[in-house]
Amino acid sequence: MGNLSDFLGISLAIVLGCGLLCLLFLSLQMLAQDAKKRGKPGFLIALLVLFTFPMGLLLWLLFRPEPGDPGQRPFRLTDHRTQ
């Protein structure tokens, strides 16, 4: 009887762990899309938040820039060079 309860406990832990990993990756994907919408590199922001969690997530939520205008071109320094 002990083997069955051990098996069920391990199975439950694996299922819960996989579920939490899926939620983490979905959250990072949503974060990357939000960063791209705001004109920042989504992959780098997601990596930064992943490695500095939970402080990185809190900082991103507090200091993220306003979303860019979809019709507006991104700022390029070469467009504003002077001789």
PDB file of N, CA and C in Angstrom:
ATOM      1  N   MET A   1       0.815  -1.191   0.000  1.00  0.00           N
ATOM      2  CA  MET A   1       0.000   0.000   0.000  1.00  0.00           C
ATOM      3  C   MET A   1       0.860   1.257   0.000  1.00  0.00           C
ATOM      4  N   GLY A   2       2.023   1.205   0.611  1.00  0.00           N
ATOM      5  CA  GLY A   2       2.913   2.353   0.649  1.00  0.00           C
ATOM      6  C   GLY A   2       3.437   2.713  -0.723  1.00  0.00           C
ATOM      7  N   ASN A   3       3.660   1.723  -1.587  1.00  0.00           N
ATOM      8  CA  ASN A   3       4.172   1.997  -2.930  1.00  0.00           C
ATOM      9  C   ASN A   3       3.176   2.780  -3.771  1.00  0.00           C
ATOM     10  N   LEU A   4       1.881   2.457  -3.627  1.00  0.00           N
ATOM     11  CA  LEU A   4       0.857   3.149  -4.397  1.00  0.00           C
ATOM     12  C   LEU A   4       0.750   4.613  -3.967  1.00  0.00           C
ATOM     13  N   SER A   5       0.780   4.870  -2.679  1.00  0.00           N
ATOM     14  CA  SER A   5       0.680   6.253  -2.211  1.00  0.00           C
ATOM     15  C   SER A   5       1.931   7.042  -2.591  1.00  0.00           C
ATOM     16  N   ASP A   6       3.099   6.394  -2.568  1.00  0.00           N
ATOM     17  CA  ASP A   6       4.319   7.068  -3.015  1.00  0.00           C
ATOM     18  C   ASP A   6       4.226   7.416  -4.498  1.00  0.00           C
ATOM     19  N   PHE A   7       3.729   6.481  -5.302  1.00  0.00           N
ATOM     20  CA  PHE A   7       3.579   6.710  -6.738  1.00  0.00           C
ATOM     21  C   PHE A   7       2.612   7.855  -7.020  1.00  0.00           C
ATOM     22  N   LEU A   8       1.491   7.877  -6.299  1.00  0.00           N
ATOM     23  CA  LEU A   8       0.507   8.942  -6.497  1.00  0.00           C
ATOM     24  C   LEU A   8       1.065  10.297  -6.067  1.00  0.00           C
ATOM     25  N   GLY A   9       1.826  10.321  -4.987  1.00  0.00           N
ATOM     26  CA  GLY A   9       2.430  11.567  -4.523  1.00  0.00           C
ATOM     27  C   GLY A   9       3.441  12.108  -5.516  1.00  0.00           C
ATOM     28  N   ILE A  10       4.262  11.220  -6.055  1.00  0.00           N
ATOM     29  CA  ILE A  10       5.271  11.632  -7.044  1.00  0.00           C
ATOM     30  C   ILE A  10       4.585  12.083  -8.330  1.00  0.00           C
ATOM     31  N   SER A  11       3.562  11.367  -8.745  1.00  0.00           N
ATOM     32  CA  SER A  11       2.832  11.745  -9.962  1.00  0.00           C
ATOM     33  C   SER A  11       2.178  13.114  -9.811  1.00  0.00           C
ATOM     34  N   LEU A  12       1.575  13.355  -8.662  1.00  0.00           N
ATOM     35  CA  LEU A  12       0.952  14.645  -8.411  1.00  0.00           C
ATOM     36  C   LEU A  12       1.992  15.765  -8.417  1.00  0.00           C
ATOM     37  N   ALA A  13       3.140  15.513  -7.825  1.00  0.00           N
ATOM     38  CA  ALA A  13       4.207  16.518  -7.807  1.00  0.00           C
ATOM     39  C   ALA A  13       4.695  16.821  -9.226  1.00  0.00           C
ATOM     40  N   ILE A  14       4.810  15.798 -10.054  1.00  0.00           N
ATOM     41  CA  ILE A  14       5.263  16.000 -11.432  1.00  0.00           C
ATOM     42  C   ILE A  14       4.228  16.795 -12.224  1.00  0.00           C
ATOM     43  N   VAL A  15       2.963  16.466 -12.074  1.00  0.00           N
ATOM     44  CA  VAL A  15       1.903  17.176 -12.800  1.00  0.00           C
ATOM     45  C   VAL A  15       1.850  18.636 -12.366  1.00  0.00           C
ATOM     46  N   LEU A  16       1.918  18.881 -11.061  1.00  0.00           N
ATOM     47  CA  LEU A  16       1.903  20.264 -10.572  1.00  0.00           C
ATOM     48  C   LEU A  16       3.139  21.032 -11.030  1.00  0.00           C
ATOM     49  N   GLY A  17       4.293  20.390 -11.010  1.00  0.00           N
ATOM     50  CA  GLY A  17       5.516  21.036 -11.475  1.00  0.00           C
ATOM     51  C   GLY A  17       5.447  21.399 -12.949  1.00  0.00           C
ATOM     52  N   CYS A  18       4.935  20.491 -13.762  1.00  0.00           N
ATOM     53  CA  CYS A  18       4.787  20.776 -15.199  1.00  0.00           C
ATOM     54  C   CYS A  18       3.791  21.904 -15.428  1.00  0.00           C
ATOM     55  N   GLY A  19       2.726  21.918 -14.652  1.00  0.00           N
ATOM     56  CA  GLY A  19       1.741  22.996 -14.774  1.00  0.00           C
ATOM     57  C   GLY A  19       2.344  24.349 -14.425  1.00  0.00           C
ATOM     58  N   LEU A  20       3.134  24.393 -13.362  1.00  0.00           N
ATOM     59  CA  LEU A  20       3.783  25.647 -12.978  1.00  0.00           C
ATOM     60  C   LEU A  20       4.788  26.108 -14.027  1.00  0.00           C
ATOM     61  N   LEU A  21       5.525  25.176 -14.619  1.00  0.00           N
ATOM     62  CA  LEU A  21       6.464  25.535 -15.688  1.00  0.00           C
ATOM     63  C   LEU A  21       5.730  26.087 -16.903  1.00  0.00           C
ATOM     64  N   CYS A  22       4.595  25.483 -17.245  1.00  0.00           N
ATOM     65  CA  CYS A  22       3.803  25.993 -18.372  1.00  0.00           C
ATOM     66  C   CYS A  22       3.309  27.402 -18.080  1.00  0.00           C
ATOM     67  N   LEU A  23       2.836  27.641 -16.864  1.00  0.00           N
ATOM     68  CA  LEU A  23       2.387  28.986 -16.496  1.00  0.00           C
ATOM     69  C   LEU A  23       3.528  29.990 -16.549  1.00  0.00           C
ATOM     70  N   LEU A  24       4.716  29.575 -16.114  1.00  0.00           N
ATOM     71  CA  LEU A  24       5.882  30.457 -16.160  1.00  0.00           C
ATOM     72  C   LEU A  24       6.215  30.838 -17.596  1.00  0.00           C
ATOM     73  N   PHE A  25       6.252  29.863 -18.496  1.00  0.00           N
ATOM     74  CA  PHE A  25       6.607  30.162 -19.874  1.00  0.00           C
ATOM     75  C   PHE A  25       5.527  30.981 -20.579  1.00  0.00           C
ATOM     76  N   LEU A  26       4.257  30.736 -20.265  1.00  0.00           N
ATOM     77  CA  LEU A  26       3.194  31.560 -20.834  1.00  0.00           C
ATOM     78  C   LEU A  26       3.300  32.997 -20.329  1.00  0.00           C
ATOM     79  N   SER A  27       3.631  33.160 -19.050  1.00  0.00           N
ATOM     80  CA  SER A  27       3.799  34.503 -18.494  1.00  0.00           C
ATOM     81  C   SER A  27       4.966  35.225 -19.157  1.00  0.00           C
ATOM     82  N   LEU A  28       6.061  34.512 -19.380  1.00  0.00           N
ATOM     83  CA  LEU A  28       7.220  35.131 -20.028  1.00  0.00           C
ATOM     84  C   LEU A  28       6.897  35.502 -21.477  1.00  0.00           C
ATOM     85  N   GLN A  29       6.101  34.686 -22.148  1.00  0.00           N
ATOM     86  CA  GLN A  29       5.719  35.003 -23.518  1.00  0.00           C
ATOM     87  C   GLN A  29       4.848  36.264 -23.550  1.00  0.00           C
ATOM     88  N   MET A  30       3.908  36.373 -22.615  1.00  0.00           N
ATOM     89  CA  MET A  30       3.067  37.565 -22.552  1.00  0.00           C
ATOM     90  C   MET A  30       3.908  38.795 -22.210  1.00  0.00           C
ATOM     91  N   LEU A  31       4.882  38.628 -21.335  1.00  0.00           N
ATOM     92  CA  LEU A  31       5.764  39.727 -20.963  1.00  0.00           C
ATOM     93  C   LEU A  31       6.591  40.182 -22.164  1.00  0.00           C
ATOM     94  N   ALA A  32       7.091  39.234 -22.951  1.00  0.00           N
ATOM     95  CA  ALA A  32       7.877  39.581 -24.131  1.00  0.00           C
ATOM     96  C   ALA A  32       7.022  40.320 -25.159  1.00  0.00           C
ATOM     97  N   GLN A  33       5.776  39.903 -25.342  1.00  0.00           N
ATOM     98  CA  GLN A  33       4.885  40.599 -26.263  1.00  0.00           C
ATOM     99  C   GLN A  33       4.590  42.015 -25.779  1.00  0.00           C
ATOM    100  N   ASP A  34       4.421  42.172 -24.472  1.00  0.00           N
ATOM    101  CA  ASP A  34       4.187  43.498 -23.902  1.00  0.00           C
ATOM    102  C   ASP A  34       5.406  44.389 -24.117  1.00  0.00           C
ATOM    103  N   ALA A  35       6.597  43.832 -23.924  1.00  0.00           N
ATOM    104  CA  ALA A  35       7.818  44.618 -24.116  1.00  0.00           C
ATOM    105  C   ALA A  35       7.968  45.042 -25.576  1.00  0.00           C
ATOM    106  N   LYS A  36       7.680  44.141 -26.509  1.00  0.00           N
ATOM    107  CA  LYS A  36       7.758  44.498 -27.934  1.00  0.00           C
ATOM    108  C   LYS A  36       6.769  45.599 -28.281  1.00  0.00           C
ATOM    109  N   LYS A  37       5.569  45.512 -27.717  1.00  0.00           N
ATOM    110  CA  LYS A  37       4.552  46.528 -27.964  1.00  0.00           C
ATOM    111  C   LYS A  37       5.019  47.893 -27.459  1.00  0.00           C
ATOM    112  N   ARG A  38       5.857  47.894 -26.444  1.00  0.00           N
ATOM    113  CA  ARG A  38       6.351  49.136 -25.860  1.00  0.00           C
ATOM    114  C   ARG A  38       7.704  49.553 -26.442  1.00  0.00           C
ATOM    115  N   GLY A  39       8.160  48.850 -27.493  1.00  0.00           N
ATOM    116  CA  GLY A  39       9.375  49.251 -28.188  1.00  0.00           C
ATOM    117  C   GLY A  39      10.664  48.754 -27.556  1.00  0.00           C
ATOM    118  N   LYS A  40      10.594  47.740 -26.715  1.00  0.00           N
ATOM    119  CA  LYS A  40      11.779  47.177 -26.067  1.00  0.00           C
ATOM    120  C   LYS A  40      12.003  45.761 -26.573  1.00  0.00           C
ATOM    121  N   PRO A  41      13.235  45.253 -26.475  1.00  0.00           N
ATOM    122  CA  PRO A  41      13.502  43.885 -26.947  1.00  0.00           C
ATOM    123  C   PRO A  41      12.833  42.853 -26.029  1.00  0.00           C
ATOM    124  N   GLY A  42      11.822  42.187 -26.536  1.00  0.00           N
ATOM    125  CA  GLY A  42      11.032  41.269 -25.725  1.00  0.00           C
ATOM    126  C   GLY A  42      11.821  40.121 -25.136  1.00  0.00           C
ATOM    127  N   PHE A  43      12.698  39.521 -25.947  1.00  0.00           N
ATOM    128  CA  PHE A  43      13.464  38.370 -25.477  1.00  0.00           C
ATOM    129  C   PHE A  43      14.389  38.766 -24.329  1.00  0.00           C
ATOM    130  N   LEU A  44      15.036  39.912 -24.445  1.00  0.00           N
ATOM    131  CA  LEU A  44      15.956  40.334 -23.387  1.00  0.00           C
ATOM    132  C   LEU A  44      15.213  40.704 -22.105  1.00  0.00           C
ATOM    133  N   ILE A  45      14.077  41.337 -22.228  1.00  0.00           N
ATOM    134  CA  ILE A  45      13.282  41.680 -21.048  1.00  0.00           C
ATOM    135  C   ILE A  45      12.801  40.401 -20.362  1.00  0.00           C
ATOM    136  N   ALA A  46      12.357  39.420 -21.151  1.00  0.00           N
ATOM    137  CA  ALA A  46      11.898  38.155 -20.577  1.00  0.00           C
ATOM    138  C   ALA A  46      13.041  37.426 -19.859  1.00  0.00           C
ATOM    139  N   LEU A  47      14.231  37.437 -20.455  1.00  0.00           N
ATOM    140  CA  LEU A  47      15.381  36.813 -19.783  1.00  0.00           C
ATOM    141  C   LEU A  47      15.740  37.533 -18.499  1.00  0.00           C
ATOM    142  N   LEU A  48      15.722  38.844 -18.544  1.00  0.00           N
ATOM    143  CA  LEU A  48      16.034  39.630 -17.355  1.00  0.00           C
ATOM    144  C   LEU A  48      15.047  39.330 -16.230  1.00  0.00           C
ATOM    145  N   VAL A  49      13.767  39.287 -16.557  1.00  0.00           N
ATOM    146  CA  VAL A  49      12.750  38.996 -15.540  1.00  0.00           C
ATOM    147  C   VAL A  49      12.897  37.564 -15.039  1.00  0.00           C
ATOM    148  N   LEU A  50      13.201  36.624 -15.927  1.00  0.00           N
ATOM    149  CA  LEU A  50      13.362  35.227 -15.522  1.00  0.00           C
ATOM    150  C   LEU A  50      14.490  35.074 -14.509  1.00  0.00           C
ATOM    151  N   PHE A  51      15.617  35.720 -14.765  1.00  0.00           N
ATOM    152  CA  PHE A  51      16.774  35.540 -13.886  1.00  0.00           C
ATOM    153  C   PHE A  51      16.744  36.421 -12.645  1.00  0.00           C
ATOM    154  N   THR A  52      15.885  37.429 -12.617  1.00  0.00           N
ATOM    155  CA  THR A  52      15.817  38.294 -11.441  1.00  0.00           C
ATOM    156  C   THR A  52      14.450  38.240 -10.773  1.00  0.00           C
ATOM    157  N   PHE A  53      13.699  37.180 -11.061  1.00  0.00           N
ATOM    158  CA  PHE A  53      12.358  37.024 -10.495  1.00  0.00           C
ATOM    159  C   PHE A  53      12.438  36.969  -8.982  1.00  0.00           C
ATOM    160  N   PRO A  54      11.582  37.587  -8.245  1.00  0.00           N
ATOM    161  CA  PRO A  54      10.407  38.391  -8.562  1.00  0.00           C
ATOM    162  C   PRO A  54      10.716  39.879  -8.677  1.00  0.00           C
ATOM    163  N   MET A  55      11.929  40.291  -8.283  1.00  0.00           N
ATOM    164  CA  MET A  55      12.273  41.717  -8.297  1.00  0.00           C
ATOM    165  C   MET A  55      12.244  42.272  -9.724  1.00  0.00           C
ATOM    166  N   GLY A  56      12.720  41.499 -10.703  1.00  0.00           N
ATOM    167  CA  GLY A  56      12.719  41.965 -12.086  1.00  0.00           C
ATOM    168  C   GLY A  56      11.319  42.201 -12.609  1.00  0.00           C
ATOM    169  N   LEU A  57      10.390  41.330 -12.259  1.00  0.00           N
ATOM    170  CA  LEU A  57       9.008  41.502 -12.694  1.00  0.00           C
ATOM    171  C   LEU A  57       8.409  42.749 -12.064  1.00  0.00           C
ATOM    172  N   LEU A  58       8.652  42.950 -10.802  1.00  0.00           N
ATOM    173  CA  LEU A  58       8.132  44.135 -10.125  1.00  0.00           C
ATOM    174  C   LEU A  58       8.702  45.413 -10.743  1.00  0.00           C
ATOM    175  N   LEU A  59      10.006  45.416 -11.027  1.00  0.00           N
ATOM    176  CA  LEU A  59      10.623  46.594 -11.633  1.00  0.00           C
ATOM    177  C   LEU A  59      10.078  46.854 -13.032  1.00  0.00           C
ATOM    178  N   TRP A  60       9.866  45.806 -13.817  1.00  0.00           N
ATOM    179  CA  TRP A  60       9.310  45.988 -15.155  1.00  0.00           C
ATOM    180  C   TRP A  60       7.900  46.576 -15.073  1.00  0.00           C
ATOM    181  N   LEU A  61       7.094  46.053 -14.150  1.00  0.00           N
ATOM    182  CA  LEU A  61       5.731  46.559 -14.037  1.00  0.00           C
ATOM    183  C   LEU A  61       5.695  48.007 -13.564  1.00  0.00           C
ATOM    184  N   LEU A  62       6.646  48.399 -12.738  1.00  0.00           N
ATOM    185  CA  LEU A  62       6.671  49.770 -12.234  1.00  0.00           C
ATOM    186  C   LEU A  62       7.224  50.768 -13.242  1.00  0.00           C
ATOM    187  N   PHE A  63       8.259  50.375 -13.989  1.00  0.00           N
ATOM    188  CA  PHE A  63       8.992  51.325 -14.826  1.00  0.00           C
ATOM    189  C   PHE A  63       8.875  51.071 -16.324  1.00  0.00           C
ATOM    190  N   ARG A  64       7.942  50.249 -16.747  1.00  0.00           N
ATOM    191  CA  ARG A  64       7.822  49.987 -18.186  1.00  0.00           C
ATOM    192  C   ARG A  64       7.349  51.253 -18.897  1.00  0.00           C
ATOM    193  N   PRO A  65       7.861  51.460 -20.101  1.00  0.00           N
ATOM    194  CA  PRO A  65       7.494  52.674 -20.841  1.00  0.00           C
ATOM    195  C   PRO A  65       6.075  52.591 -21.370  1.00  0.00           C
ATOM    196  N   GLU A  66       5.568  53.746 -21.779  1.00  0.00           N
ATOM    197  CA  GLU A  66       4.240  53.801 -22.385  1.00  0.00           C
ATOM    198  C   GLU A  66       4.294  53.099 -23.745  1.00  0.00           C
ATOM    199  N   PRO A  67       3.177  52.494 -24.165  1.00  0.00           N
ATOM    200  CA  PRO A  67       3.182  51.857 -25.488  1.00  0.00           C
ATOM    201  C   PRO A  67       3.376  52.887 -26.590  1.00  0.00           C
ATOM    202  N   GLY A  68       4.127  52.467 -27.608  1.00  0.00           N
ATOM    203  CA  GLY A  68       4.386  53.359 -28.731  1.00  0.00           C
ATOM    204  C   GLY A  68       3.175  53.489 -29.628  1.00  0.00           C
ATOM    205  N   ASP A  69       3.167  54.558 -30.406  1.00  0.00           N
ATOM    206  CA  ASP A  69       2.107  54.776 -31.385  1.00  0.00           C
ATOM    207  C   ASP A  69       2.347  53.819 -32.553  1.00  0.00           C
ATOM    208  N   PRO A  70       1.358  53.001 -32.941  1.00  0.00           N
ATOM    209  CA  PRO A  70       1.591  52.024 -34.005  1.00  0.00           C
ATOM    210  C   PRO A  70       1.992  52.647 -35.335  1.00  0.00           C
ATOM    211  N   GLY A  71       1.545  53.868 -35.628  1.00  0.00           N
ATOM    212  CA  GLY A  71       1.894  54.498 -36.887  1.00  0.00           C
ATOM    213  C   GLY A  71       3.211  55.241 -36.841  1.00  0.00           C
ATOM    214  N   GLN A  72       3.777  55.378 -35.676  1.00  0.00           N
ATOM    215  CA  GLN A  72       5.015  56.149 -35.512  1.00  0.00           C
ATOM    216  C   GLN A  72       6.233  55.270 -35.792  1.00  0.00           C
ATOM    217  N   ARG A  73       7.184  55.826 -36.529  1.00  0.00           N
ATOM    218  CA  ARG A  73       8.426  55.096 -36.788  1.00  0.00           C
ATOM    219  C   ARG A  73       9.280  55.089 -35.537  1.00  0.00           C
ATOM    220  N   PRO A  74      10.056  54.016 -35.319  1.00  0.00           N
ATOM    221  CA  PRO A  74      10.938  54.004 -34.155  1.00  0.00           C
ATOM    222  C   PRO A  74      12.053  55.037 -34.309  1.00  0.00           C
ATOM    223  N   PHE A  75      12.555  55.524 -33.215  1.00  0.00           N
ATOM    224  CA  PHE A  75      13.631  56.512 -33.223  1.00  0.00           C
ATOM    225  C   PHE A  75      14.910  55.869 -33.732  1.00  0.00           C
ATOM    226  N   ARG A  76      15.536  56.531 -34.693  1.00  0.00           N
ATOM    227  CA  ARG A  76      16.834  56.086 -35.200  1.00  0.00           C
ATOM    228  C   ARG A  76      17.764  57.277 -35.175  1.00  0.00           C
ATOM    229  N   LEU A  77      18.894  57.106 -34.555  1.00  0.00           N
ATOM    230  CA  LEU A  77      19.843  58.197 -34.412  1.00  0.00           C
ATOM    231  C   LEU A  77      20.350  58.674 -35.773  1.00  0.00           C
ATOM    232  N   THR A  78      20.473  57.765 -36.720  1.00  0.00           N
ATOM    233  CA  THR A  78      20.966  58.169 -38.037  1.00  0.00           C
ATOM    234  C   THR A  78      20.024  59.126 -38.752  1.00  0.00           C
ATOM    235  N   ASP A  79      18.747  59.119 -38.369  1.00  0.00           N
ATOM    236  CA  ASP A  79      17.786  60.068 -38.970  1.00  0.00           C
ATOM    237  C   ASP A  79      17.998  61.486 -38.448  1.00  0.00           C
ATOM    238  N   HIS A  80      18.700  61.657 -37.348  1.00  0.00           N
ATOM    239  CA  HIS A  80      18.841  62.949 -36.696  1.00  0.00           C
ATOM    240  C   HIS A  80      20.293  63.397 -36.585  1.00  0.00           C
ATOM    241  N   ARG A  81      21.136  62.878 -37.437  1.00  0.00           N
ATOM    242  CA  ARG A  81      22.560  63.236 -37.385  1.00  0.00           C
ATOM    243  C   ARG A  81      22.778  64.612 -37.943  1.00  0.00           C
ATOM    244  N   THR A  82      23.762  65.290 -37.364  1.00  0.00           N
ATOM    245  CA  THR A  82      24.170  66.583 -37.884  1.00  0.00           C
ATOM    246  C   THR A  82      25.632  66.479 -38.259  1.00  0.00           C
ATOM    247  N   GLN A  83      26.081  67.362 -39.157  1.00  0.00           N
ATOM    248  CA  GLN A  83      27.471  67.320 -39.610  1.00  0.00           C
ATOM    249  C   GLN A  83      28.393  67.938 -38.637  1.00  0.00           C
TER     250      GLN A  83
END
